[in-house]
């Protein structure tokens, strides 16, 4: 969890710099529907103004400098692009 906290601290200013915002963050209470062998410790919902804004952020040298904390922290992850309805 410490490595992901370092990632979060480093990435939040970058998210904000491209117009993004953290909308929600929480941890799993129970798996109601889905694989019972999965235990998701944390879920984060981030809204970006566009896919281009996200791409700009992850391609930046500043993001590359902090992204290794994310890699070090996660055994498994999902990154899902969603469209708001």
C-alpha atoms as a PDB file:
ATOM      1  CA  UNK A   1       0.000   0.000   0.000  1.00  0.00           C
ATOM      2  CA  UNK A   2       2.908   2.372   0.678  1.00  0.00           C
ATOM      3  CA  UNK A   3       4.134   2.245  -2.927  1.00  0.00           C
ATOM      4  CA  UNK A   4       0.638   3.018  -4.227  1.00  0.00           C
ATOM      5  CA  UNK A   5       0.361   5.908  -1.758  1.00  0.00           C
ATOM      6  CA  UNK A   6       3.615   7.311  -3.194  1.00  0.00           C
ATOM      7  CA  UNK A   7       2.176   6.892  -6.695  1.00  0.00           C
ATOM      8  CA  UNK A   8      -1.029   8.664  -5.667  1.00  0.00           C
ATOM      9  CA  UNK A   9       0.855  11.577  -4.118  1.00  0.00           C
ATOM     10  CA  UNK A  10       2.948  11.979  -7.255  1.00  0.00           C
ATOM     11  CA  UNK A  11       0.188  11.497  -9.811  1.00  0.00           C
ATOM     12  CA  UNK A  12      -2.532  13.719  -8.308  1.00  0.00           C
ATOM     13  CA  UNK A  13      -0.837  16.990  -9.311  1.00  0.00           C
ATOM     14  CA  UNK A  14      -0.401  15.558 -12.831  1.00  0.00           C
ATOM     15  CA  UNK A  15      -4.070  14.549 -13.032  1.00  0.00           C
ATOM     16  CA  UNK A  16      -5.080  18.056 -11.991  1.00  0.00           C
ATOM     17  CA  UNK A  17      -2.633  19.643 -14.451  1.00  0.00           C
ATOM     18  CA  UNK A  18      -4.500  18.077 -17.395  1.00  0.00           C
ATOM     19  CA  UNK A  19      -7.919  18.990 -15.998  1.00  0.00           C
ATOM     20  CA  UNK A  20      -8.687  15.654 -14.351  1.00  0.00           C
ATOM     21  CA  UNK A  21     -10.103  14.937 -10.919  1.00  0.00           C
ATOM     22  CA  UNK A  22     -10.389  11.999  -8.546  1.00  0.00           C
ATOM     23  CA  UNK A  23     -14.123  11.366  -8.241  1.00  0.00           C
ATOM     24  CA  UNK A  24     -14.179   8.433  -5.821  1.00  0.00           C
ATOM     25  CA  UNK A  25     -11.891   6.026  -3.998  1.00  0.00           C
ATOM     26  CA  UNK A  26     -12.764   3.021  -1.869  1.00  0.00           C
ATOM     27  CA  UNK A  27     -11.883  -0.517  -0.875  1.00  0.00           C
ATOM     28  CA  UNK A  28     -13.738  -3.763  -1.416  1.00  0.00           C
ATOM     29  CA  UNK A  29     -16.185  -4.718   1.309  1.00  0.00           C
ATOM     30  CA  UNK A  30     -17.394  -7.952  -0.331  1.00  0.00           C
ATOM     31  CA  UNK A  31     -17.474  -9.621  -3.757  1.00  0.00           C
ATOM     32  CA  UNK A  32     -21.210  -9.971  -4.405  1.00  0.00           C
ATOM     33  CA  UNK A  33     -21.087 -10.927  -8.091  1.00  0.00           C
ATOM     34  CA  UNK A  34     -17.803 -11.996  -9.600  1.00  0.00           C
ATOM     35  CA  UNK A  35     -14.850 -14.273  -9.000  1.00  0.00           C
ATOM     36  CA  UNK A  36     -14.598 -15.138  -5.325  1.00  0.00           C
ATOM     37  CA  UNK A  37     -10.821 -15.526  -5.599  1.00  0.00           C
ATOM     38  CA  UNK A  38     -10.361 -11.802  -6.331  1.00  0.00           C
ATOM     39  CA  UNK A  39      -9.760  -9.416  -3.464  1.00  0.00           C
ATOM     40  CA  UNK A  40      -9.593  -5.829  -4.715  1.00  0.00           C
ATOM     41  CA  UNK A  41      -7.897  -3.710  -2.092  1.00  0.00           C
ATOM     42  CA  UNK A  42      -8.609  -0.375  -3.742  1.00  0.00           C
ATOM     43  CA  UNK A  43     -10.653   1.129  -6.548  1.00  0.00           C
ATOM     44  CA  UNK A  44     -10.177   4.680  -7.812  1.00  0.00           C
ATOM     45  CA  UNK A  45     -12.442   6.537 -10.229  1.00  0.00           C
ATOM     46  CA  UNK A  46     -10.771   9.426 -12.053  1.00  0.00           C
ATOM     47  CA  UNK A  47     -12.498  11.730 -14.544  1.00  0.00           C
ATOM     48  CA  UNK A  48     -10.433  13.302 -17.334  1.00  0.00           C
ATOM     49  CA  UNK A  49     -11.774  15.954 -19.697  1.00  0.00           C
ATOM     50  CA  UNK A  50     -10.832  13.768 -22.675  1.00  0.00           C
ATOM     51  CA  UNK A  51      -8.885  10.695 -23.708  1.00  0.00           C
ATOM     52  CA  UNK A  52      -6.302  13.084 -25.102  1.00  0.00           C
ATOM     53  CA  UNK A  53      -5.782  14.667 -21.684  1.00  0.00           C
ATOM     54  CA  UNK A  54      -5.123  11.227 -20.194  1.00  0.00           C
ATOM     55  CA  UNK A  55      -2.723  10.366 -23.043  1.00  0.00           C
ATOM     56  CA  UNK A  56      -0.857  13.644 -22.560  1.00  0.00           C
ATOM     57  CA  UNK A  57      -0.421  12.899 -18.873  1.00  0.00           C
ATOM     58  CA  UNK A  58       0.823   9.300 -19.204  1.00  0.00           C
ATOM     59  CA  UNK A  59       3.266  10.261 -21.958  1.00  0.00           C
ATOM     60  CA  UNK A  60       4.852  13.028 -19.882  1.00  0.00           C
ATOM     61  CA  UNK A  61       8.285  12.685 -18.306  1.00  0.00           C
ATOM     62  CA  UNK A  62       6.738  13.640 -14.955  1.00  0.00           C
ATOM     63  CA  UNK A  63       4.318  10.704 -15.127  1.00  0.00           C
ATOM     64  CA  UNK A  64       7.038   8.295 -16.183  1.00  0.00           C
ATOM     65  CA  UNK A  65       9.034   9.392 -13.127  1.00  0.00           C
ATOM     66  CA  UNK A  66       6.234   8.340 -10.726  1.00  0.00           C
ATOM     67  CA  UNK A  67       4.577   5.475 -12.624  1.00  0.00           C
ATOM     68  CA  UNK A  68       7.076   2.884 -11.402  1.00  0.00           C
ATOM     69  CA  UNK A  69       5.501   3.227  -7.922  1.00  0.00           C
ATOM     70  CA  UNK A  70       2.200   2.014  -9.431  1.00  0.00           C
ATOM     71  CA  UNK A  71       3.918  -0.946 -11.071  1.00  0.00           C
ATOM     72  CA  UNK A  72       5.707  -1.828  -7.830  1.00  0.00           C
ATOM     73  CA  UNK A  73       2.480  -1.608  -5.817  1.00  0.00           C
ATOM     74  CA  UNK A  74       0.141  -3.707  -7.923  1.00  0.00           C
ATOM     75  CA  UNK A  75       0.020  -7.454  -8.256  1.00  0.00           C
ATOM     76  CA  UNK A  76      -3.000  -7.162 -10.558  1.00  0.00           C
ATOM     77  CA  UNK A  77      -4.932  -4.202 -11.896  1.00  0.00           C
ATOM     78  CA  UNK A  78      -7.510  -3.021 -14.387  1.00  0.00           C
ATOM     79  CA  UNK A  79      -7.503   0.280 -16.231  1.00  0.00           C
ATOM     80  CA  UNK A  80     -10.900   0.750 -17.862  1.00  0.00           C
ATOM     81  CA  UNK A  81     -11.864   3.692 -20.068  1.00  0.00           C
ATOM     82  CA  UNK A  82     -15.522   4.550 -19.617  1.00  0.00           C
ATOM     83  CA  UNK A  83     -17.891   6.975 -21.336  1.00  0.00           C
ATOM     84  CA  UNK A  84     -20.254   8.957 -19.162  1.00  0.00           C
ATOM     85  CA  UNK A  85     -23.932   8.543 -20.003  1.00  0.00           C
END
